[in-house]
Protein backbone atom coordinates (compact mmCIF):
# COMPACT_ATOMS: atom_id res chain seq x y z
CA MET A 1 -141.96 -71.95 31.85
CA ASN A 2 -139.94 -68.77 31.44
CA LYS A 3 -137.04 -68.94 33.92
CA ASP A 4 -135.42 -65.68 32.85
CA LYS A 5 -136.93 -63.76 35.76
CA LYS A 6 -136.91 -65.32 39.21
CA LEU A 7 -139.23 -63.59 41.66
CA MET A 8 -138.20 -65.31 44.88
CA GLN A 9 -136.63 -68.41 46.39
CA ARG A 10 -137.38 -69.75 49.85
CA SER A 11 -137.04 -72.96 51.87
CA TYR A 12 -139.94 -74.12 53.99
CA HIS A 13 -141.25 -76.93 56.16
CA ILE A 14 -144.82 -78.26 56.33
CA PRO A 15 -145.94 -79.34 59.82
CA LEU A 16 -148.13 -82.43 59.86
CA PRO A 17 -151.15 -80.59 61.40
CA MET A 18 -150.99 -78.07 58.56
CA PHE A 19 -150.99 -80.82 55.95
CA ASP A 20 -153.96 -82.44 57.72
CA GLU A 21 -155.84 -79.14 57.53
CA ALA A 22 -154.88 -78.68 53.87
CA PHE A 23 -156.08 -82.18 53.01
CA ARG A 24 -159.40 -81.47 54.75
CA CYS A 25 -159.75 -78.25 52.75
CA PHE A 26 -158.93 -80.14 49.56
CA GLN A 27 -161.55 -82.80 50.26
CA LYS A 28 -164.20 -80.22 51.17
CA LYS A 29 -163.64 -78.38 47.90
CA TYR A 30 -163.05 -81.20 45.43
CA VAL A 31 -164.25 -84.47 47.01
CA PHE A 32 -167.25 -83.63 49.18
CA PRO A 33 -169.32 -82.10 46.34
CA GLY A 34 -169.07 -85.34 44.35
CA ASN A 35 -169.88 -87.39 47.44
CA ILE A 36 -172.94 -85.25 48.13
CA VAL A 37 -174.26 -85.66 44.58
CA ILE A 38 -173.76 -89.44 44.67
CA SER A 39 -175.36 -89.62 48.13
CA ILE A 40 -178.43 -87.69 46.99
CA ILE A 41 -178.89 -89.96 43.97
CA PHE A 42 -178.68 -93.16 46.02
CA LEU A 43 -180.88 -91.78 48.81
CA VAL A 44 -183.55 -90.78 46.29
CA LEU A 45 -183.42 -94.29 44.86
CA ALA A 46 -183.61 -95.71 48.39
CA ALA A 47 -186.69 -93.57 49.11
CA ASP A 48 -188.35 -94.92 45.96
CA PHE A 49 -187.61 -98.49 47.01
CA ILE A 50 -188.88 -97.77 50.54
CA TYR A 51 -192.17 -96.58 49.02
CA ALA A 52 -192.36 -99.80 47.00
CA ALA A 53 -191.66 -101.88 50.12
CA VAL A 54 -194.38 -100.07 52.07
CA LYS A 55 -196.90 -100.78 49.31
CA ASP A 56 -195.92 -104.43 49.21
CA ASN A 57 -194.12 -105.69 52.30
CA THR A 58 -193.50 -109.04 50.60
CA ASN A 59 -191.28 -107.40 47.98
CA THR A 60 -187.90 -108.70 49.17
CA THR A 61 -186.14 -107.18 46.16
CA ALA A 62 -187.09 -103.70 47.36
CA TYR A 63 -185.52 -104.36 50.78
CA LEU A 64 -182.34 -105.60 49.11
CA LEU A 65 -182.12 -102.52 46.89
CA ILE A 66 -182.68 -100.23 49.89
CA ALA A 67 -179.75 -101.87 51.69
CA ILE A 68 -177.56 -101.58 48.59
CA CYS A 69 -178.31 -97.86 48.14
CA ILE A 70 -177.63 -97.01 51.78
CA GLY A 71 -174.52 -99.19 51.73
CA MET A 72 -173.14 -97.36 48.69
CA VAL A 73 -173.54 -94.01 50.46
CA LEU A 74 -171.82 -95.26 53.62
CA ILE A 75 -168.97 -96.87 51.67
CA ARG A 76 -168.39 -93.70 49.68
CA TRP A 77 -168.00 -91.54 52.80
CA TYR A 78 -166.07 -94.23 54.68
CA ARG A 79 -163.46 -94.37 51.92
CA THR A 80 -163.15 -90.58 51.96
CA PHE A 81 -162.34 -90.45 55.68
CA LYS A 82 -160.23 -93.61 55.54
CA LEU A 83 -158.06 -92.00 52.86
CA ARG A 84 -157.54 -89.02 55.16
CA ARG A 85 -156.29 -91.29 57.94
CA SER A 86 -154.05 -93.24 55.55
CA VAL A 87 -152.47 -90.05 54.19
CA HIS A 88 -151.88 -88.81 57.74
CA GLU A 89 -150.03 -92.01 58.69
CA ALA A 90 -147.97 -91.99 55.48
CA LEU A 91 -146.87 -88.39 55.97
CA LYS A 92 -145.44 -89.10 59.40
CA GLU A 93 -142.41 -90.59 57.64
CA VAL A 94 -141.65 -87.38 55.71
CA GLU A 95 -142.81 -84.85 58.30
CA GLN A 96 -139.29 -83.46 58.77
CA ASP A 97 -138.59 -82.99 55.07
CA LEU A 98 -137.62 -79.53 53.87
CA TYR A 99 -138.61 -78.00 50.55
CA GLU A 100 -137.26 -75.23 48.38
CA LEU A 101 -139.63 -73.08 46.35
CA THR A 102 -138.48 -71.02 43.39
CA VAL A 103 -141.12 -68.69 41.99
CA TYR A 104 -141.17 -67.38 38.44
CA GLU A 105 -143.68 -65.15 36.67
CA ASP A 106 -145.52 -68.09 35.12
CA GLY A 107 -144.72 -71.05 37.35
CA VAL A 108 -142.83 -72.54 40.26
CA VAL A 109 -140.17 -75.16 40.88
CA ILE A 110 -140.33 -77.23 44.08
CA ARG A 111 -137.34 -79.24 45.28
CA THR A 112 -137.03 -81.62 48.21
CA GLU A 113 -134.08 -80.87 50.45
CA ASP A 114 -132.30 -83.20 52.85
CA ALA A 115 -134.16 -83.65 56.13
CA PRO A 116 -132.23 -82.65 59.26
CA LYS A 117 -130.39 -85.54 60.83
CA PRO A 118 -131.30 -86.52 64.42
CA GLU A 119 -128.89 -85.36 67.09
CA GLN A 120 -126.46 -88.00 68.30
CA THR A 121 -126.40 -88.79 72.01
CA ASP A 122 -123.18 -88.73 74.01
CA GLN A 123 -123.55 -92.34 75.04
CA PRO A 124 -122.46 -94.74 72.34
CA GLU A 125 -125.01 -97.33 71.37
CA GLU A 126 -124.20 -100.91 72.15
CA GLN A 127 -123.55 -102.83 69.02
CA GLU A 128 -124.57 -106.41 68.76
CA ALA A 129 -121.82 -108.81 67.90
CA GLU A 130 -122.00 -109.77 64.27
CA PRO A 131 -122.01 -113.49 63.55
CA GLU A 132 -118.90 -114.65 61.83
CA GLN A 133 -119.41 -115.58 58.21
CA GLU A 134 -118.52 -119.07 57.25
CA GLU A 135 -116.30 -119.25 54.24
CA SER A 136 -116.85 -121.80 51.52
CA ALA A 137 -114.21 -124.27 50.43
CA ASP A 138 -112.85 -121.88 47.81
CA GLY A 139 -112.56 -119.11 50.39
CA SER A 140 -115.09 -116.83 48.68
CA GLY A 141 -117.46 -116.74 51.66
CA PHE A 142 -120.91 -115.10 51.55
CA GLN A 143 -121.54 -111.68 50.08
CA GLN A 144 -123.29 -109.11 52.23
CA LEU A 145 -126.62 -108.37 50.55
CA PHE A 146 -127.54 -105.30 52.60
CA PRO A 147 -124.64 -102.99 53.45
CA GLU A 148 -124.82 -101.31 56.86
CA GLU A 149 -124.22 -97.84 55.49
CA PRO A 150 -126.16 -96.42 52.54
CA PRO A 151 -124.17 -95.15 49.58
CA GLU A 152 -122.99 -91.58 49.99
CA ASP A 153 -124.16 -90.44 46.57
CA GLU A 154 -127.91 -90.96 46.82
CA GLU A 155 -129.93 -89.45 44.03
CA GLN A 156 -132.20 -86.61 45.10
CA PRO A 157 -135.79 -86.55 43.83
CA ALA A 158 -136.17 -84.62 40.62
CA PRO A 159 -137.57 -81.11 41.12
CA THR A 160 -141.24 -80.55 40.32
CA GLU A 161 -141.83 -77.86 37.71
CA ILE A 162 -145.35 -76.40 37.58
CA THR A 163 -146.36 -73.97 34.84
CA PHE A 164 -149.45 -71.94 35.66
CA GLY A 165 -152.37 -72.33 33.30
CA THR A 166 -154.83 -75.02 32.30
CA GLY A 167 -155.04 -77.88 34.79
CA VAL A 168 -153.47 -75.89 37.63
CA LYS A 169 -155.58 -74.26 40.35
CA LEU A 170 -154.04 -71.80 42.81
CA LEU A 171 -155.89 -71.40 46.11
CA GLU A 172 -155.20 -69.25 49.15
CA TYR A 173 -156.14 -70.09 52.74
CA PRO A 174 -155.38 -68.21 55.97
CA GLU A 175 -152.22 -70.22 56.76
CA PHE A 176 -151.06 -71.53 53.39
CA PHE A 177 -151.31 -71.49 49.62
CA MET A 178 -152.33 -74.61 47.70
CA ILE A 179 -151.24 -75.50 44.17
CA TYR A 180 -153.57 -78.16 42.82
CA LEU A 181 -152.67 -80.13 39.71
CA VAL A 182 -156.10 -81.35 38.65
CA ARG A 183 -156.55 -85.10 39.12
CA ALA A 184 -152.85 -85.48 39.91
CA ASN A 185 -151.53 -83.94 43.12
CA PHE A 186 -151.48 -80.82 45.23
CA TYR A 187 -148.70 -78.88 46.92
CA ILE A 188 -148.78 -76.72 50.05
CA ILE A 189 -146.83 -73.51 50.56
CA PRO A 190 -147.00 -72.45 54.24
CA LYS A 191 -147.16 -68.71 54.85
CA LYS A 192 -145.23 -69.00 58.12
CA ASP A 193 -141.90 -69.26 56.27
CA PHE A 194 -142.44 -66.16 54.13
CA SER A 195 -142.34 -62.47 54.96
CA ASP A 196 -145.46 -60.29 54.72
CA ASP A 197 -144.21 -58.75 51.49
CA GLU A 198 -143.53 -62.18 49.99
CA ILE A 199 -146.98 -63.42 50.99
CA LYS A 200 -148.54 -60.37 49.35
CA GLN A 201 -146.46 -60.95 46.22
CA LEU A 202 -147.51 -64.61 46.04
CA SER A 203 -151.14 -63.70 46.62
CA GLU A 204 -151.11 -61.16 43.81
CA LEU A 205 -149.31 -63.55 41.46
CA PHE A 206 -151.62 -66.51 42.15
CA SER A 207 -154.74 -64.36 41.80
CA LYS A 208 -153.86 -63.79 38.13
CA TYR A 209 -154.39 -67.47 37.29
């Protein structure tokens, strides 16, 4: 990636409903077609076995194969929608995260920023009395395995660098852009945090790839 010329830099936040919509769009474009093909194959096989069962109603193997084919179709679609629910629940934990996007002529860099801390109430929280630690005979006592306060210098996630080209698909939807790393991951860039000129610039840039 050529980082000599930076086109823009912007921080943004992805609301959970927007990510849900983006994941639905992703599944419709890249998952549903495969599901439909697999479903057609198994349903055609099931129809063939149904015909065999009608010709010979004592053919128990045909009934078993019919059930297997229909079951495979249902399982395939069930897993697709179950994954959507699982992703929704997992993203609730990072819903407040902020991201920083840096755009170059041939790629982007995405960094995760610190999430805003919750506001502290005026009333102090009641603290439970900590049990006194018994000291051993040599006076060493017990070591605290889990400190109450996390270390101040926590490592931030490494930035994600994406170079446009093979294996990267850039898609535009009414409310967001999607950067899809084939068979790896996808990233959402919400339009709400960009000006009209920036959205136009991103649209023109992404349309080149």
